[in-house]
Protein backbone atom coordinates (compact mmCIF):
# COMPACT_ATOMS: atom_id res chain seq x y z
CA UNK A 1 29.85 -9.59 -15.92
CA UNK A 2 26.19 -8.74 -16.32
CA UNK A 3 23.48 -10.45 -14.50
CA UNK A 4 19.67 -9.59 -14.88
CA UNK A 5 16.77 -10.27 -12.71
CA UNK A 6 13.17 -9.66 -13.32
CA UNK A 7 11.01 -9.22 -10.22
CA UNK A 8 7.56 -9.46 -9.33
CA UNK A 9 6.30 -7.79 -6.24
CA UNK A 10 5.98 -10.90 -3.78
CA UNK A 11 2.93 -10.99 -1.66
CA UNK A 12 2.20 -12.75 1.52
CA UNK A 13 -0.67 -15.14 2.26
CA UNK A 14 -2.75 -12.21 3.60
CA UNK A 15 -2.28 -10.26 0.35
CA UNK A 16 0.37 -7.86 1.75
CA UNK A 17 3.53 -6.86 -0.10
CA UNK A 18 6.73 -8.37 1.26
CA UNK A 19 8.10 -5.13 3.05
CA UNK A 20 11.55 -5.51 1.56
CA UNK A 21 10.23 -5.79 -1.93
CA UNK A 22 7.79 -3.00 -1.36
CA UNK A 23 10.41 -0.57 -0.07
CA UNK A 24 12.81 -1.42 -2.75
CA UNK A 25 10.00 -0.75 -5.48
CA UNK A 26 9.40 2.63 -3.83
CA UNK A 27 12.92 3.66 -3.51
CA UNK A 28 13.62 2.49 -7.22
CA UNK A 29 10.73 4.56 -8.50
CA UNK A 30 11.97 7.80 -6.43
CA UNK A 31 15.35 7.23 -7.97
CA UNK A 32 13.79 7.19 -11.35
CA UNK A 33 11.67 10.38 -10.90
CA UNK A 34 13.22 13.83 -11.61
CA UNK A 35 11.73 15.08 -8.29
CA UNK A 36 11.78 18.59 -9.71
CA UNK A 37 9.80 21.72 -8.46
CA UNK A 38 6.14 21.97 -9.08
CA UNK A 39 3.73 24.95 -8.68
CA UNK A 40 0.74 24.49 -6.35
CA UNK A 41 -1.54 27.44 -5.75
CA UNK A 42 1.23 29.89 -6.97
CA UNK A 43 3.85 28.32 -4.80
CA UNK A 44 6.79 26.32 -6.01
CA UNK A 45 7.33 23.31 -4.02
CA UNK A 46 10.77 21.63 -4.38
CA UNK A 47 11.50 17.82 -4.75
CA UNK A 48 7.97 16.76 -6.07
CA UNK A 49 6.43 14.62 -8.68
CA UNK A 50 2.97 14.32 -10.30
CA UNK A 51 0.64 11.26 -10.39
CA UNK A 52 1.28 10.90 -14.15
CA UNK A 53 5.03 10.89 -13.62
CA UNK A 54 4.84 8.12 -11.04
CA UNK A 55 2.45 5.97 -13.06
CA UNK A 56 4.43 6.26 -16.30
CA UNK A 57 7.71 5.27 -14.60
CA UNK A 58 6.25 2.49 -12.69
CA UNK A 59 5.00 0.92 -16.00
CA UNK A 60 8.61 0.05 -16.96
CA UNK A 61 11.01 0.43 -14.04
CA UNK A 62 14.72 -0.47 -14.23
CA UNK A 63 17.49 -0.46 -11.75
CA UNK A 64 21.15 -1.18 -12.33
CA UNK A 65 23.88 -1.62 -9.78
CA UNK A 66 27.44 -1.65 -11.07
CA UNK A 67 30.81 -1.97 -9.31
CA UNK A 68 34.18 -1.38 -11.13
CA UNK A 69 37.28 -3.07 -9.77
CA UNK A 70 40.81 -4.43 -10.74
CA UNK A 71 40.75 -7.89 -12.21
CA UNK A 72 42.24 -10.22 -9.44
CA UNK A 73 44.44 -11.99 -11.97
CA UNK A 74 45.49 -8.72 -13.79
CA UNK A 75 45.27 -5.67 -11.76
CA UNK A 76 45.96 -3.40 -14.82
CA UNK A 77 42.60 -4.55 -16.13
CA UNK A 78 39.27 -3.19 -14.96
CA UNK A 79 36.28 -5.50 -14.55
CA UNK A 80 32.68 -4.29 -14.12
CA UNK A 81 30.02 -6.38 -12.40
CA UNK A 82 26.54 -5.23 -13.04
CA UNK A 83 23.18 -6.34 -11.83
CA UNK A 84 19.95 -5.08 -13.37
CA UNK A 85 16.57 -5.43 -11.79
CA UNK A 86 13.27 -4.62 -13.64
CA UNK A 87 9.80 -4.15 -12.44
CA UNK A 88 6.85 -3.96 -14.83
CA UNK A 89 3.16 -3.45 -14.37
CA UNK A 90 -0.01 -2.31 -15.93
CA UNK A 91 -1.33 1.36 -15.26
CA UNK A 92 -4.00 0.26 -12.92
CA UNK A 93 -1.74 -1.81 -10.88
CA UNK A 94 0.74 1.14 -10.78
CA UNK A 95 -2.20 3.38 -9.38
CA UNK A 96 -2.97 0.76 -6.62
CA UNK A 97 0.71 0.61 -5.74
CA UNK A 98 1.10 4.33 -5.47
CA UNK A 99 -1.88 4.29 -3.25
CA UNK A 100 -0.23 1.73 -1.08
CA UNK A 101 2.84 4.16 -0.97
CA UNK A 102 0.42 6.90 0.38
CA UNK A 103 -1.20 4.60 2.89
CA UNK A 104 2.21 3.64 4.13
CA UNK A 105 3.09 7.09 4.74
CA UNK A 106 6.02 7.19 2.32
CA UNK A 107 4.56 10.04 0.42
CA UNK A 108 1.98 12.68 0.99
CA UNK A 109 -0.08 15.08 -1.15
CA UNK A 110 0.97 18.72 -1.37
CA UNK A 111 -2.57 19.68 -1.98
CA UNK A 112 -4.46 17.46 0.61
CA UNK A 113 -5.40 14.78 -2.01
CA UNK A 114 -6.16 11.23 -0.67
CA UNK A 115 -5.78 9.16 -3.69
CA UNK A 116 -4.03 8.93 -7.18
CA UNK A 117 -7.10 9.57 -9.35
CA UNK A 118 -5.99 12.91 -10.66
CA UNK A 119 -3.04 13.01 -13.17
CA UNK A 120 -1.84 16.35 -12.23
CA UNK A 121 -1.75 15.99 -8.37
CA UNK A 122 1.61 16.91 -6.85
CA UNK A 123 3.33 14.63 -4.34
CA UNK A 124 6.34 14.73 -2.09
CA UNK A 125 8.30 12.24 0.16
CA UNK A 126 7.47 12.14 3.81
CA UNK A 127 10.39 12.11 6.34
CA UNK A 128 9.68 8.27 6.57
CA UNK A 129 9.82 8.04 2.83
CA UNK A 130 13.24 9.83 2.85
CA UNK A 131 14.61 7.42 5.55
CA UNK A 132 13.52 4.48 3.37
CA UNK A 133 15.11 6.12 0.19
CA UNK A 134 18.36 7.07 2.12
CA UNK A 135 18.88 3.48 3.28
CA UNK A 136 18.29 2.14 -0.18
CA UNK A 137 20.86 4.54 -1.69
CA UNK A 138 23.39 3.94 0.92
CA UNK A 139 23.11 0.16 0.37
CA UNK A 140 23.18 0.33 -3.39
CA UNK A 141 25.76 3.11 -3.73
CA UNK A 142 23.59 5.59 -5.57
CA UNK A 143 24.94 9.07 -5.86
CA UNK A 144 22.73 10.94 -8.08
CA UNK A 145 22.37 14.97 -7.73
CA UNK A 146 18.65 14.89 -7.71
CA UNK A 147 18.28 12.37 -5.06
CA UNK A 148 21.10 13.74 -2.87
CA UNK A 149 19.19 17.28 -3.00
CA UNK A 150 16.08 15.50 -1.48
CA UNK A 151 18.08 13.61 1.13
CA UNK A 152 19.94 16.79 2.06
CA UNK A 153 16.54 18.38 2.70
CA UNK A 154 15.97 19.57 6.39
CA UNK A 155 12.83 17.43 6.31
CA UNK A 156 15.04 14.16 6.23
CA UNK A 157 15.20 13.85 9.93
CA UNK A 158 13.49 10.56 10.55
CA UNK A 159 14.87 7.74 12.67
CA UNK A 160 12.58 4.79 11.97
CA UNK A 161 12.20 1.80 14.39
CA UNK A 162 13.30 -1.06 12.06
CA UNK A 163 11.09 -3.93 13.06
CA UNK A 164 12.61 -7.47 12.82
CA UNK A 165 10.77 -9.86 10.57
CA UNK A 166 10.54 -13.48 9.76
CA UNK A 167 12.33 -13.79 6.42
CA UNK A 168 10.02 -16.47 4.89
CA UNK A 169 6.64 -15.20 6.02
CA UNK A 170 7.58 -11.50 6.32
CA UNK A 171 5.75 -11.50 9.56
CA UNK A 172 6.98 -9.11 12.25
CA UNK A 173 8.39 -10.71 15.34
CA UNK A 174 5.71 -9.99 18.10
CA UNK A 175 6.97 -11.91 21.17
CA UNK A 176 6.32 -10.00 24.37
CA UNK A 177 9.93 -9.04 24.83
CA UNK A 178 10.10 -7.50 21.26
CA UNK A 179 6.73 -5.77 21.80
CA UNK A 180 8.18 -4.29 25.05
CA UNK A 181 11.05 -2.86 23.19
CA UNK A 182 8.85 -1.24 20.56
CA UNK A 183 6.47 -0.01 23.41
CA UNK A 184 9.41 1.84 24.92
CA UNK A 185 9.84 3.80 21.83
CA UNK A 186 6.15 4.21 21.41
CA UNK A 187 5.72 6.02 24.70
CA UNK A 188 9.04 7.56 24.83
CA UNK A 189 12.29 5.79 26.08
CA UNK A 190 13.64 9.30 27.53
CA UNK A 191 10.07 10.10 29.11
CA UNK A 192 6.65 10.84 28.21
CA UNK A 193 5.85 13.41 25.47
CA UNK A 194 3.38 15.49 27.48
CA UNK A 195 1.30 18.24 25.84
CA UNK A 196 0.56 20.99 28.11
CA UNK A 197 -1.28 23.68 26.06
CA UNK A 198 -3.85 21.83 24.01
CA UNK A 199 -6.49 19.12 24.11
CA UNK A 200 -5.21 15.65 23.56
CA UNK A 201 -7.64 15.14 20.64
CA UNK A 202 -6.11 18.19 18.70
CA UNK A 203 -3.39 18.62 16.24
CA UNK A 204 -2.53 14.92 15.50
CA UNK A 205 -1.09 14.97 11.92
CA UNK A 206 1.39 13.16 9.68
CA UNK A 207 4.08 15.59 10.65
CA UNK A 208 3.60 15.17 14.31
CA UNK A 209 6.55 12.78 14.60
CA UNK A 210 8.95 13.98 11.84
CA UNK A 211 11.97 12.70 13.66
CA UNK A 212 10.74 9.57 15.29
CA UNK A 213 12.77 10.47 18.52
CA UNK A 214 9.90 11.33 20.65
CA UNK A 215 7.06 9.26 21.85
CA UNK A 216 3.32 9.42 21.17
CA UNK A 217 1.61 12.85 22.26
CA UNK A 218 0.04 12.63 25.61
CA UNK A 219 -1.63 14.76 28.13
CA UNK A 220 -2.87 14.47 31.75
CA UNK A 221 -6.68 14.06 31.97
CA UNK A 222 -8.76 14.90 35.06
CA UNK A 223 -11.66 12.67 35.63
CA UNK A 224 -14.16 12.31 38.54
CA UNK A 225 -12.31 9.14 39.61
CA UNK A 226 -9.08 11.06 39.52
CA UNK A 227 -6.06 12.24 37.39
CA UNK A 228 -5.07 9.95 34.35
CA UNK A 229 -1.35 11.06 33.99
CA UNK A 230 -0.64 9.67 30.45
CA UNK A 231 -3.55 9.46 27.92
CA UNK A 232 -3.40 9.56 24.11
CA UNK A 233 -5.88 9.22 21.35
CA UNK A 234 -6.19 6.26 19.26
CA UNK A 235 -5.29 8.25 16.21
CA UNK A 236 -2.17 9.55 17.77
CA UNK A 237 -1.09 6.03 18.45
CA UNK A 238 -1.93 4.82 14.97
CA UNK A 239 0.09 7.89 13.42
CA UNK A 240 3.08 7.28 15.66
CA UNK A 241 3.29 3.51 14.72
CA UNK A 242 2.76 4.25 11.02
CA UNK A 243 4.99 7.25 10.72
CA UNK A 244 7.91 6.13 13.07
CA UNK A 245 8.18 2.21 12.47
CA UNK A 246 9.12 0.26 9.39
CA UNK A 247 5.43 -0.92 9.02
CA UNK A 248 3.96 -0.38 5.56
CA UNK A 249 0.42 -1.89 6.03
CA UNK A 250 -2.19 -0.52 8.42
CA UNK A 251 -3.19 -4.09 9.42
CA UNK A 252 0.13 -4.56 11.12
CA UNK A 253 -0.27 -1.33 12.96
CA UNK A 254 -3.54 -2.65 14.48
CA UNK A 255 -1.93 -5.92 15.15
CA UNK A 256 0.82 -4.21 17.14
CA UNK A 257 -1.46 -1.80 18.92
CA UNK A 258 -3.75 -4.71 19.97
CA UNK A 259 -0.75 -6.42 21.36
CA UNK A 260 -0.11 -3.37 23.65
CA UNK A 261 -3.74 -3.96 24.99
CA UNK A 262 -3.18 -7.70 25.17
CA UNK A 263 -0.05 -7.26 27.22
CA UNK A 264 -1.71 -4.64 29.54
CA UNK A 265 0.75 -1.96 28.57
CA UNK A 266 -2.19 0.35 27.63
CA UNK A 267 -5.91 0.37 28.33
CA UNK A 268 -8.84 2.16 26.98
CA UNK A 269 -10.41 5.12 28.77
CA UNK A 270 -14.14 4.65 28.82
CA UNK A 271 -16.77 7.23 28.76
CA UNK A 272 -20.45 7.52 28.16
CA UNK A 273 -20.14 7.42 24.32
CA UNK A 274 -17.24 4.89 24.23
CA UNK A 275 -17.46 2.58 27.34
CA UNK A 276 -14.29 0.78 28.17
CA UNK A 277 -14.30 -3.02 27.31
CA UNK A 278 -11.74 -5.71 27.99
CA UNK A 279 -12.28 -7.37 24.70
CA UNK A 280 -12.42 -4.06 22.54
CA UNK A 281 -10.04 -3.90 19.57
CA UNK A 282 -7.78 -0.84 19.06
CA UNK A 283 -9.41 2.08 17.52
CA UNK A 284 -7.58 4.74 15.38
CA UNK A 285 -10.24 7.35 16.23
CA UNK A 286 -9.63 10.77 17.63
CA UNK A 287 -12.47 10.19 19.89
CA UNK A 288 -11.16 7.07 21.57
CA UNK A 289 -8.58 7.60 24.37
CA UNK A 290 -6.09 5.25 25.95
CA UNK A 291 -3.78 5.54 29.07
CA UNK A 292 -0.50 3.92 29.84
CA UNK A 293 -0.91 1.40 32.60
CA UNK A 294 1.15 1.01 35.67
CA UNK A 295 2.75 -2.13 33.88
CA UNK A 296 3.45 0.03 30.94
CA UNK A 297 5.13 2.61 32.93
CA UNK A 298 7.55 -0.11 34.31
CA UNK A 299 8.18 -1.52 30.84
CA UNK A 300 8.87 2.12 29.72
CA UNK A 301 11.43 2.51 32.43
CA UNK A 302 9.58 5.43 33.99
CA UNK A 303 9.06 3.66 37.35
CA UNK A 304 10.42 0.57 39.07
CA UNK A 305 8.63 -1.87 41.20
CA UNK A 306 9.36 -1.81 45.00
CA UNK A 307 11.52 -5.02 44.83
CA UNK A 308 13.67 -3.45 42.05
CA UNK A 309 12.47 -5.69 39.16
CA UNK A 310 11.38 -4.67 35.76
CA UNK A 311 8.12 -5.67 34.45
CA UNK A 312 7.60 -7.68 37.60
CA UNK A 313 10.32 -10.03 36.83
CA UNK A 314 13.61 -10.22 38.98
CA UNK A 315 16.64 -8.76 37.18
CA UNK A 316 19.16 -10.57 39.26
CA UNK A 317 21.49 -12.55 36.88
CA UNK A 318 21.20 -16.37 37.12
CA UNK A 319 24.30 -18.49 37.66
CA UNK A 320 25.55 -20.12 34.64
CA UNK A 321 25.55 -24.08 34.54
CA UNK A 322 28.96 -25.82 35.08
CA UNK A 323 30.97 -25.80 31.99
CA UNK A 324 29.25 -22.65 30.46
CA UNK A 325 31.71 -19.62 29.71
CA UNK A 326 29.84 -16.56 31.13
CA UNK A 327 31.91 -14.08 29.15
CA UNK A 328 31.68 -15.76 25.72
CA UNK A 329 30.95 -13.02 23.44
CA UNK A 330 30.53 -15.50 20.56
CA UNK A 331 27.74 -17.20 22.56
CA UNK A 332 26.27 -13.74 23.37
CA UNK A 333 26.36 -12.88 19.67
CA UNK A 334 24.38 -16.17 18.99
CA UNK A 335 21.80 -15.33 21.55
CA UNK A 336 21.37 -11.89 20.07
CA UNK A 337 21.02 -13.23 16.56
CA UNK A 338 18.21 -15.57 17.80
CA UNK A 339 16.25 -13.23 19.88
CA UNK A 340 14.28 -10.68 18.09
CA UNK A 341 14.05 -8.13 20.93
CA UNK A 342 17.99 -8.12 21.39
CA UNK A 343 18.46 -7.98 17.69
CA UNK A 344 16.17 -5.08 17.51
CA UNK A 345 18.24 -3.21 20.13
CA UNK A 346 21.57 -4.57 18.71
CA UNK A 347 20.64 -3.09 15.25
CA UNK A 348 19.91 0.35 16.82
CA UNK A 349 23.21 0.35 18.68
CA UNK A 350 25.09 -0.61 15.47
CA UNK A 351 23.32 2.12 13.61
CA UNK A 352 24.47 4.66 16.23
CA UNK A 353 28.18 3.42 15.84
CA UNK A 354 27.99 3.46 12.07
CA UNK A 355 28.38 -0.27 11.45
CA UNK A 356 24.80 -1.41 10.77
CA UNK A 357 26.05 -3.06 7.71
CA UNK A 358 27.48 -5.80 9.52
CA UNK A 359 24.22 -7.21 10.90
CA UNK A 360 22.47 -6.36 7.55
CA UNK A 361 24.86 -8.49 5.72
CA UNK A 362 24.63 -11.39 8.20
CA UNK A 363 20.73 -11.30 7.96
CA UNK A 364 20.75 -11.01 4.16
CA UNK A 365 23.31 -13.85 3.63
CA UNK A 366 21.17 -16.00 5.86
CA UNK A 367 18.28 -15.27 3.63
CA UNK A 368 20.28 -15.86 0.61
CA UNK A 369 21.52 -19.16 1.74
CA UNK A 370 18.05 -20.18 2.57
CA UNK A 371 16.88 -19.19 -1.02
CA UNK A 372 20.04 -21.14 -2.39
CA UNK A 373 19.00 -24.34 -0.44
CA UNK A 374 15.33 -24.05 -1.77
CA UNK A 375 16.61 -23.38 -5.24
CA UNK A 376 18.79 -26.51 -5.31
CA UNK A 377 16.34 -28.76 -3.54
CA UNK A 378 12.90 -27.58 -5.02
CA UNK A 379 13.22 -29.59 -8.38
CA UNK A 380 15.46 -32.13 -9.98
CA UNK A 381 17.07 -30.82 -12.03
CA UNK A 382 16.96 -27.37 -10.48
CA UNK A 383 14.95 -24.74 -12.30
CA UNK A 384 17.20 -22.48 -14.14
CA UNK A 385 15.23 -19.46 -13.89
CA UNK A 386 15.10 -19.80 -10.11
CA UNK A 387 18.92 -20.49 -10.08
CA UNK A 388 19.43 -17.45 -12.20
CA UNK A 389 17.26 -15.25 -9.80
CA UNK A 390 19.25 -16.54 -6.83
CA UNK A 391 22.60 -15.76 -8.58
CA UNK A 392 21.43 -12.17 -9.35
CA UNK A 393 20.82 -11.82 -5.70
CA UNK A 394 24.30 -12.92 -5.00
CA UNK A 395 25.66 -10.31 -7.38
CA UNK A 396 23.47 -7.52 -5.54
CA UNK A 397 24.91 -8.63 -2.23
CA UNK A 398 28.49 -8.70 -3.50
CA UNK A 399 28.23 -5.25 -5.11
CA UNK A 400 26.58 -3.75 -1.86
CA UNK A 401 28.87 -5.33 0.83
CA UNK A 402 31.91 -7.06 -0.48
CA UNK A 403 33.25 -5.59 -3.66
CA UNK A 404 36.17 -3.10 -3.26
CA UNK A 405 34.74 0.42 -2.86
CA UNK A 406 31.18 -0.88 -2.47
CA UNK A 407 28.88 1.59 -0.57
CA UNK A 408 28.74 -0.81 2.61
CA UNK A 409 32.12 -2.40 2.33
CA UNK A 410 32.89 -4.86 5.09
CA UNK A 411 36.02 -5.62 6.86
CA UNK A 412 36.81 -9.23 5.95
CA UNK A 413 39.92 -11.35 5.53
CA UNK A 414 42.02 -10.32 2.58
CA UNK A 415 42.31 -13.91 0.96
CA UNK A 416 38.57 -14.32 1.29
CA UNK A 417 37.91 -10.91 -0.35
CA UNK A 418 40.20 -11.89 -3.18
CA UNK A 419 38.61 -15.44 -3.48
CA UNK A 420 35.18 -13.68 -3.78
CA UNK A 421 36.47 -11.06 -6.36
CA UNK A 422 37.90 -13.96 -8.50
CA UNK A 423 34.65 -15.87 -8.36
CA UNK A 424 32.18 -12.86 -8.88
CA UNK A 425 34.24 -11.55 -11.80
CA UNK A 426 34.67 -14.90 -13.74
CA UNK A 427 32.64 -15.44 -16.66
CA UNK A 428 29.59 -17.92 -16.50
CA UNK A 429 29.19 -20.25 -19.40
CA UNK A 430 26.50 -22.68 -19.89
CA UNK A 431 23.64 -23.78 -17.53
CA UNK A 432 25.63 -26.24 -15.82
CA UNK A 433 28.57 -23.81 -15.05
CA UNK A 434 25.78 -21.44 -13.80
CA UNK A 435 24.65 -24.01 -11.19
CA UNK A 436 28.36 -24.79 -10.22
CA UNK A 437 29.09 -21.00 -9.91
CA UNK A 438 26.16 -20.70 -7.46
CA UNK A 439 27.38 -23.45 -5.33
CA UNK A 440 30.77 -21.78 -5.31
CA UNK A 441 29.32 -18.41 -4.44
CA UNK A 442 27.25 -19.86 -1.58
CA UNK A 443 30.33 -21.42 0.02
CA UNK A 444 32.20 -18.15 -0.09
CA UNK A 445 29.17 -16.15 1.16
CA UNK A 446 28.90 -18.58 4.18
CA UNK A 447 32.62 -17.97 4.97
CA UNK A 448 32.05 -14.25 4.73
CA UNK A 449 29.03 -14.49 6.89
CA UNK A 450 31.06 -16.40 9.58
CA UNK A 451 33.77 -13.82 9.35
CA UNK A 452 31.40 -10.96 9.88
CA UNK A 453 29.69 -12.77 12.81
CA UNK A 454 33.16 -13.17 14.62
CA UNK A 455 33.80 -9.51 14.07
CA UNK A 456 30.50 -8.31 15.62
CA UNK A 457 31.20 -10.76 18.43
CA UNK A 458 34.60 -9.65 19.18
CA UNK A 459 34.07 -5.92 18.65
CA UNK A 460 30.47 -4.85 18.92
CA UNK A 461 28.90 -7.27 21.40
CA UNK A 462 31.19 -6.27 24.31
CA UNK A 463 30.58 -2.57 23.76
CA UNK A 464 26.76 -3.14 23.40
CA UNK A 465 26.69 -5.04 26.42
CA UNK A 466 28.22 -2.18 28.55
CA UNK A 467 26.18 0.58 26.84
CA UNK A 468 24.29 2.40 29.59
CA UNK A 469 21.46 3.27 27.43
CA UNK A 470 20.58 -0.36 27.07
CA UNK A 471 21.63 -1.62 30.50
CA UNK A 472 17.95 -1.82 31.92
CA UNK A 473 16.55 -3.69 28.82
CA UNK A 474 19.53 -6.04 28.89
CA UNK A 475 19.00 -6.90 32.47
CA UNK A 476 15.27 -7.49 31.76
CA UNK A 477 16.15 -9.79 28.89
CA UNK A 478 18.70 -11.23 31.27
CA UNK A 479 21.22 -12.00 28.58
CA UNK A 480 23.45 -13.88 30.79
CA UNK A 481 20.68 -16.35 31.65
CA UNK A 482 19.68 -16.62 28.05
CA UNK A 483 23.31 -17.40 27.40
CA UNK A 484 23.35 -20.08 29.85
CA UNK A 485 20.12 -21.54 28.86
CA UNK A 486 21.15 -21.62 25.18
CA UNK A 487 24.55 -23.29 25.98
CA UNK A 488 22.80 -25.78 28.14
CA UNK A 489 20.31 -26.89 25.44
CA UNK A 490 22.93 -26.99 22.88
CA UNK A 491 25.09 -29.32 24.93
CA UNK A 492 22.19 -31.69 25.62
CA UNK A 493 20.98 -31.67 21.96
């Protein structure tokens, strides 16, 4: 079986690349490059590439994902399913995309360059870029020596905060609870990252947060009105959000930083040159200082309020309404899936326990089924090119998560796995058969999604709920109350 998809880089309404497409394009480019040593000022730098190499490869980029498996009907016969995705663009567009990779902190110049105008400029992946590449390779089962050499580099230490997004608009979830979770990582969920021997405005750089495991650099400031215990520069905050989160557009960085101000988690420190203003927007300047507010300290978990509440809200559990089962892990799983803040935490927990692929599959199948419904209902008869693209997405999901030996192979029912294998290795004939095949694939994927949901609910949710690391945040989100409220609204619907 061979399924081909030719992709465009989808853009949002505000002219921003869809994050998933943007990262896939970046990772596909990195896989296509030799990433060989280049000399810069008589020094050989490993795992690098030139502007010319990047622009040439972006002009005609192809990525194939294959999976070999026994034929379900004849185990002695080996069947190969292959999905090929291609990107194509003019040279000036390629240059613009490379500049976006630079702005997103996925690559950096070895020579201090700030754009891709020079053909011979030398570039390397940042720790953030390595993290994005590693996730792409894991999902797609890529094992190439030159790529593995890069990922085995000691610079590959980043643990990005993977932000949850709305699948249709690609907008980050920015409700107060989710912002609070991100803020904890921003300021340091194990305590403030205080600098003791230098000015708060010095040494902020792209390599300051190479692991993503420490918060933004801070320092105590002495002012006439007293000591400000936790202060940081606007640039330091911008660098942390761009380096340590899955953001790829600086506009989103400012949106998130402004929410820290809006929710009174941080505030601007005024002086004669930069007087504080309640309506001032966040500035990424080294000369503008911000401090963590008392509310921000409570949200970070550094202090608690006198009555034992977090963020000023009581953390005592609410009594569930009559008829609502308080210990239903299936219901808890439903609440987690619907709540962006809890979903972000749950994803981090699954990553730590090496089973993040379960949630990744659930979310991706949800998006696939949405695309499937759109493809079937958008036109009568359905547009065949849209059906073909949707079917190609199904093959990519199958090869990544469900095929025997796939890189992120999931634990699903044996009979369902065989049914999927039989369907995905069956030849597709004419256009009508292609539409019928997509209907059958969608049904099987829906069943697989339900199976993975039940697995997470029965195995991961109870452990996640008991994990001490997340206990305070789960109390703040009051999972039991959300469970009760969700069940109550469902029963009245």
